Amino acid sequence: MVAATFGWGIAGAVTRQLHHAQGFEVTFWRSAFTGVCLFVILTVWKGWRHWRQVPWTSASTWISAACWSVMFTAFMMALTLTPTPNVLVTLAACPLLTALISRLVWRQRQSRRTWGAIAVAGAGIAWMFGLEIQMGNAQALLGMGIALAVPVAAAIQWNVVEQTAQGDAMLDSVMLGALISCVMTLPLALPMQSSAQDLTWLFVLGLAQLAVPCVLAVIAARTLRAAQISLLSQLEVLFGISLAWWLAGEVPAPNVLTGGVLVLGALVVNSWLDLRQSLRHSV
């Protein structure tokens, strides 16, 4: 799971290496390479008969795929508009949004501790947005607004996975989501301007930043508790900001650090207490 989060965290640093590819073209190529890589991985891993067993007519498969397509598209668009730390801290709200949606849609009860964590994380996000508005940074604000679509879509996706017990089938939804993203962004990506070097970096994103980490996360989910996965997944924020700072010179702004402390602090404390509680019950 740590290896998976490191893979997810390279997105910002790698994206800053692109010279000609911009906007929707970046999203198109990353999604295309992700879809192709996952098709190859799943075929080698499970054989050709796997594709006859995919629940193509299941509503949950396509809902999950639609959510992945939103995540793929919004994430890369946000990275082209605002610094990596802004995007990653915004994404860190996903586990708490997941808890909120599970309460509103499936009426699952949440503890007061979880509601408190949601309130603190919301304050952190609001703090970042408020200071961007005060500074009049319209592009960064737009990027953060687009980035918010990612944790919302992810929260819906994880609730669908939990309610339908998709398990390994999540990888099929990831591949379908990548293909949907390709279809959505192709008309907007023309005319293509990517150089050979850009395409190499975009292939790295498709394989090492999405396809392989998603496979690792599914394998890890077989043995780790949900609270453990939620806690470990936030390493993506630390890896992503550190790599973008080290390799691309993106220094986090003070408001991002403040908001990030609130969001990550609320999430880590809540996840750690959930984990301790689950461990006590299992003993």
Protein backbone atom coordinates (compact mmCIF):
# COMPACT_ATOMS: atom_id res chain seq x y z
CA MET A 1 0.00 0.00 0.00
CA VAL A 2 2.91 2.35 0.69
CA ALA A 3 4.29 1.55 -2.79
CA ALA A 4 0.87 2.34 -4.27
CA THR A 5 0.72 5.74 -2.57
CA PHE A 6 4.24 6.56 -3.76
CA GLY A 7 3.14 5.79 -7.32
CA TRP A 8 0.09 8.03 -6.99
CA GLY A 9 2.31 10.76 -5.54
CA ILE A 10 4.56 11.14 -8.60
CA ALA A 11 1.82 12.80 -10.68
CA GLY A 12 2.70 16.42 -9.89
CA ALA A 13 6.47 16.03 -10.33
CA VAL A 14 6.08 14.13 -13.61
CA THR A 15 3.47 16.53 -15.01
CA ARG A 16 5.88 19.44 -14.52
CA GLN A 17 8.33 17.71 -16.90
CA LEU A 18 5.94 18.13 -19.85
CA HIS A 19 6.89 20.79 -22.40
CA HIS A 20 4.27 20.76 -25.15
CA ALA A 21 1.31 18.69 -23.94
CA GLN A 22 -1.24 20.80 -22.08
CA GLY A 23 -4.76 20.62 -20.70
CA PHE A 24 -7.05 17.97 -22.13
CA GLU A 25 -4.26 16.43 -24.18
CA VAL A 26 -2.45 15.47 -20.97
CA THR A 27 -5.63 13.87 -19.63
CA PHE A 28 -6.27 12.01 -22.89
CA TRP A 29 -2.84 10.42 -23.13
CA ARG A 30 -2.60 9.51 -19.45
CA SER A 31 -6.04 7.88 -19.56
CA ALA A 32 -5.19 6.08 -22.82
CA PHE A 33 -1.95 4.65 -21.45
CA THR A 34 -3.68 3.67 -18.20
CA GLY A 35 -6.42 1.79 -20.07
CA VAL A 36 -3.95 -0.05 -22.30
CA CYS A 37 -1.64 -0.95 -19.40
CA LEU A 38 -4.49 -2.25 -17.26
CA PHE A 39 -5.82 -4.32 -20.17
CA VAL A 40 -2.41 -5.93 -20.62
CA ILE A 41 -1.88 -6.44 -16.87
CA LEU A 42 -5.32 -8.01 -16.33
CA THR A 43 -4.99 -10.24 -19.40
CA VAL A 44 -1.58 -11.54 -18.31
CA TRP A 45 -2.70 -11.87 -14.68
CA LYS A 46 -6.11 -13.50 -15.16
CA GLY A 47 -6.15 -14.70 -18.76
CA TRP A 48 -8.48 -13.96 -21.67
CA ARG A 49 -11.43 -15.65 -19.97
CA HIS A 50 -11.44 -12.81 -17.43
CA TRP A 51 -13.11 -10.54 -20.00
CA ARG A 52 -16.04 -12.95 -20.33
CA GLN A 53 -16.59 -12.77 -16.57
CA VAL A 54 -16.71 -8.97 -16.27
CA PRO A 55 -20.23 -7.82 -15.24
CA TRP A 56 -20.64 -5.56 -18.28
CA THR A 57 -24.37 -5.03 -17.62
CA SER A 58 -23.99 -4.20 -13.91
CA ALA A 59 -25.02 -0.66 -12.99
CA SER A 60 -22.41 -0.54 -10.22
CA THR A 61 -19.62 -1.30 -12.72
CA TRP A 62 -20.58 1.66 -14.89
CA ILE A 63 -21.24 4.02 -11.97
CA SER A 64 -17.79 3.20 -10.63
CA ALA A 65 -16.29 3.64 -14.12
CA ALA A 66 -17.99 7.04 -14.51
CA CYS A 67 -16.53 8.13 -11.17
CA TRP A 68 -13.04 7.04 -12.24
CA SER A 69 -13.39 8.97 -15.51
CA VAL A 70 -14.27 12.13 -13.55
CA MET A 71 -11.27 11.57 -11.27
CA PHE A 72 -8.89 11.05 -14.20
CA THR A 73 -10.12 14.14 -16.05
CA ALA A 74 -10.48 16.55 -13.13
CA PHE A 75 -7.17 15.59 -11.49
CA MET A 76 -5.00 16.32 -14.52
CA MET A 77 -6.94 19.47 -15.40
CA ALA A 78 -6.44 20.74 -11.84
CA LEU A 79 -2.70 20.07 -12.00
CA THR A 80 -2.40 22.22 -15.12
CA LEU A 81 -4.13 25.15 -13.37
CA THR A 82 -2.84 25.18 -9.79
CA PRO A 83 0.26 24.00 -7.87
CA THR A 84 0.52 20.34 -6.87
CA PRO A 85 0.18 20.97 -3.08
CA ASN A 86 -3.16 22.77 -3.61
CA VAL A 87 -4.52 19.78 -5.54
CA LEU A 88 -3.26 17.09 -3.17
CA VAL A 89 -4.50 18.75 0.01
CA THR A 90 -7.92 19.18 -1.60
CA LEU A 91 -7.92 15.48 -2.53
CA ALA A 92 -7.11 14.51 1.06
CA ALA A 93 -10.72 15.22 2.04
CA CYS A 94 -11.86 12.04 0.23
CA PRO A 95 -12.13 9.65 3.24
CA LEU A 96 -14.20 12.13 5.20
CA LEU A 97 -16.46 12.83 2.21
CA THR A 98 -16.85 9.06 1.87
CA ALA A 99 -18.14 8.90 5.43
CA LEU A 100 -20.47 11.83 4.77
CA ILE A 101 -21.98 10.27 1.64
CA SER A 102 -22.40 6.89 3.33
CA ARG A 103 -24.46 8.66 6.00
CA LEU A 104 -26.56 10.74 3.61
CA VAL A 105 -27.22 8.04 0.99
CA TRP A 106 -27.01 4.70 2.81
CA ARG A 107 -27.90 6.00 6.29
CA GLN A 108 -24.80 4.51 7.87
CA ARG A 109 -24.23 6.01 11.29
CA GLN A 110 -21.04 7.93 11.92
CA SER A 111 -19.48 8.71 15.26
CA ARG A 112 -19.29 12.22 16.68
CA ARG A 113 -15.53 11.95 16.23
CA THR A 114 -15.98 11.45 12.48
CA TRP A 115 -18.36 14.42 12.21
CA GLY A 116 -15.84 16.52 14.10
CA ALA A 117 -13.08 15.45 11.71
CA ILE A 118 -15.30 16.34 8.73
CA ALA A 119 -15.89 19.81 10.21
CA VAL A 120 -12.17 20.42 10.81
CA ALA A 121 -11.20 19.21 7.33
CA GLY A 122 -13.93 21.39 5.82
CA ALA A 123 -12.50 24.36 7.68
CA GLY A 124 -9.07 23.59 6.22
CA ILE A 125 -10.41 23.49 2.67
CA ALA A 126 -12.43 26.67 3.24
CA TRP A 127 -9.31 28.39 4.60
CA MET A 128 -7.37 27.62 1.43
CA PHE A 129 -10.19 28.72 -0.86
CA GLY A 130 -10.80 31.88 1.17
CA LEU A 131 -7.20 33.05 0.94
CA GLU A 132 -7.05 32.31 -2.80
CA ILE A 133 -10.15 34.48 -3.24
CA GLN A 134 -8.56 37.28 -1.21
CA MET A 135 -5.40 37.10 -3.32
CA GLY A 136 -7.49 37.23 -6.50
CA ASN A 137 -5.75 34.17 -7.95
CA ALA A 138 -8.55 33.13 -10.30
CA GLN A 139 -6.60 30.37 -12.06
CA ALA A 140 -5.50 28.68 -8.83
CA LEU A 141 -9.03 28.98 -7.46
CA LEU A 142 -10.45 27.38 -10.62
CA GLY A 143 -7.91 24.57 -10.35
CA MET A 144 -8.83 23.88 -6.73
CA GLY A 145 -12.53 23.95 -7.62
CA ILE A 146 -11.93 21.36 -10.33
CA ALA A 147 -9.81 19.33 -7.91
CA LEU A 148 -12.79 19.13 -5.53
CA ALA A 149 -14.58 16.99 -8.12
CA VAL A 150 -11.97 14.26 -7.50
CA PRO A 151 -12.69 13.53 -3.80
CA VAL A 152 -16.43 13.81 -4.44
CA ALA A 153 -16.26 11.25 -7.28
CA ALA A 154 -13.88 9.08 -5.24
CA ALA A 155 -16.24 9.14 -2.26
CA ILE A 156 -19.13 7.96 -4.45
CA GLN A 157 -16.91 5.27 -6.00
CA TRP A 158 -15.71 3.85 -2.67
CA ASN A 159 -19.26 3.73 -1.34
CA VAL A 160 -20.37 1.84 -4.45
CA VAL A 161 -17.48 -0.60 -4.01
CA GLU A 162 -18.37 -1.15 -0.35
CA GLN A 163 -22.09 -1.62 -0.97
CA THR A 164 -21.66 -3.99 -3.93
CA ALA A 165 -18.52 -5.83 -2.70
CA GLN A 166 -16.77 -5.36 -6.05
CA GLY A 167 -13.30 -6.26 -4.74
CA ASP A 168 -10.94 -7.14 -7.58
CA ALA A 169 -13.57 -6.04 -10.11
CA MET A 170 -12.59 -2.46 -9.23
CA LEU A 171 -9.71 -2.79 -11.69
CA ASP A 172 -12.19 -3.38 -14.51
CA SER A 173 -13.97 -0.17 -13.52
CA VAL A 174 -10.65 1.71 -13.47
CA MET A 175 -9.92 0.53 -17.02
CA LEU A 176 -13.42 1.44 -18.22
CA GLY A 177 -13.11 4.84 -16.53
CA ALA A 178 -9.85 5.47 -18.36
CA LEU A 179 -11.51 4.63 -21.69
CA ILE A 180 -14.48 6.90 -20.93
CA SER A 181 -12.04 9.69 -20.08
CA CYS A 182 -10.31 9.15 -23.43
CA VAL A 183 -13.57 9.46 -25.35
CA MET A 184 -14.60 12.56 -23.39
CA THR A 185 -11.31 14.41 -23.82
CA LEU A 186 -10.24 13.42 -27.35
CA PRO A 187 -12.24 16.14 -29.18
CA LEU A 188 -10.90 18.74 -26.74
CA ALA A 189 -7.32 17.47 -27.00
CA LEU A 190 -7.01 18.13 -30.74
CA PRO A 191 -4.75 19.14 -32.36
CA MET A 192 -2.14 17.00 -30.58
CA GLN A 193 1.10 18.82 -29.70
CA SER A 194 2.92 16.26 -27.53
CA SER A 195 6.56 15.61 -28.28
CA ALA A 196 8.16 12.18 -28.02
CA GLN A 197 9.55 13.18 -24.62
CA ASP A 198 6.09 14.26 -23.45
CA LEU A 199 4.58 10.94 -24.55
CA THR A 200 7.27 9.08 -22.62
CA TRP A 201 6.41 10.96 -19.43
CA LEU A 202 2.68 10.45 -20.06
CA PHE A 203 3.28 6.72 -20.47
CA VAL A 204 5.07 6.78 -17.09
CA LEU A 205 1.96 8.40 -15.62
CA GLY A 206 -0.34 5.81 -17.16
CA LEU A 207 1.74 2.82 -16.05
CA ALA A 208 3.58 3.82 -12.85
CA GLN A 209 1.20 6.46 -11.46
CA LEU A 210 -2.13 4.73 -12.09
CA ALA A 211 -2.16 1.19 -13.50
CA VAL A 212 0.41 -0.47 -11.23
CA PRO A 213 -0.57 1.43 -8.03
CA CYS A 214 -4.24 0.54 -8.55
CA VAL A 215 -3.30 -3.15 -8.85
CA LEU A 216 -1.20 -2.90 -5.68
CA ALA A 217 -4.04 -1.17 -3.81
CA VAL A 218 -6.51 -3.90 -4.75
CA ILE A 219 -4.06 -6.58 -3.59
CA ALA A 220 -3.44 -4.70 -0.33
CA ALA A 221 -7.18 -4.36 0.27
CA ARG A 222 -7.42 -8.15 0.60
CA THR A 223 -5.58 -8.08 3.92
CA LEU A 224 -5.70 -4.52 5.28
CA ARG A 225 -8.64 -3.03 7.16
CA ALA A 226 -10.49 -0.07 5.67
CA ALA A 227 -9.12 2.22 8.40
CA GLN A 228 -5.57 1.11 7.59
CA ILE A 229 -6.04 1.76 3.88
CA SER A 230 -7.58 5.16 4.59
CA LEU A 231 -4.66 6.11 6.83
CA LEU A 232 -1.92 4.82 4.53
CA SER A 233 -3.48 6.34 1.41
CA GLN A 234 -2.80 9.82 2.78
CA LEU A 235 0.91 9.20 2.27
CA GLU A 236 0.13 10.25 -1.31
CA VAL A 237 -0.18 13.84 -0.09
CA LEU A 238 3.20 13.74 1.65
CA PHE A 239 4.93 11.95 -1.23
CA GLY A 240 3.32 14.19 -3.84
CA ILE A 241 4.16 17.50 -2.17
CA SER A 242 7.70 16.35 -1.31
CA LEU A 243 8.46 15.13 -4.85
CA ALA A 244 6.99 18.25 -6.48
CA TRP A 245 9.04 20.40 -4.08
CA TRP A 246 12.25 18.42 -4.65
CA LEU A 247 12.02 17.71 -8.40
CA ALA A 248 9.91 20.61 -9.71
CA GLY A 249 10.65 23.39 -7.21
CA GLU A 250 7.00 23.80 -6.15
CA VAL A 251 7.19 25.24 -2.65
CA PRO A 252 3.85 24.93 -0.76
CA ALA A 253 2.26 28.30 0.01
CA PRO A 254 1.65 29.13 3.71
CA ASN A 255 -2.14 28.91 3.31
CA VAL A 256 -1.77 25.43 1.79
CA LEU A 257 0.40 24.29 4.68
CA THR A 258 -2.12 25.64 7.21
CA GLY A 259 -5.10 24.10 5.43
CA GLY A 260 -3.16 20.89 4.89
CA VAL A 261 -2.40 20.56 8.59
CA LEU A 262 -6.12 20.87 9.38
CA VAL A 263 -7.23 18.39 6.69
CA LEU A 264 -4.52 15.79 7.25
CA GLY A 265 -4.54 16.21 11.01
CA ALA A 266 -8.28 15.59 11.19
CA LEU A 267 -8.02 12.59 8.88
CA VAL A 268 -5.02 10.97 10.56
CA VAL A 269 -6.43 11.35 14.09
CA ASN A 270 -9.83 10.00 13.04
CA SER A 271 -8.35 7.08 11.08
CA TRP A 272 -5.92 6.21 13.87
CA LEU A 273 -8.69 6.13 16.47
CA ASP A 274 -10.84 4.00 14.14
CA LEU A 275 -7.96 1.59 13.70
CA ARG A 276 -7.36 1.32 17.43
CA GLN A 277 -11.05 0.66 18.00
CA SER A 278 -11.18 -2.05 15.32
CA LEU A 279 -8.06 -3.70 16.71
CA ARG A 280 -9.57 -3.80 20.22
CA HIS A 281 -12.72 -5.42 18.87
CA SER A 282 -10.73 -8.05 16.95
CA VAL A 283 -8.72 -9.15 20.00
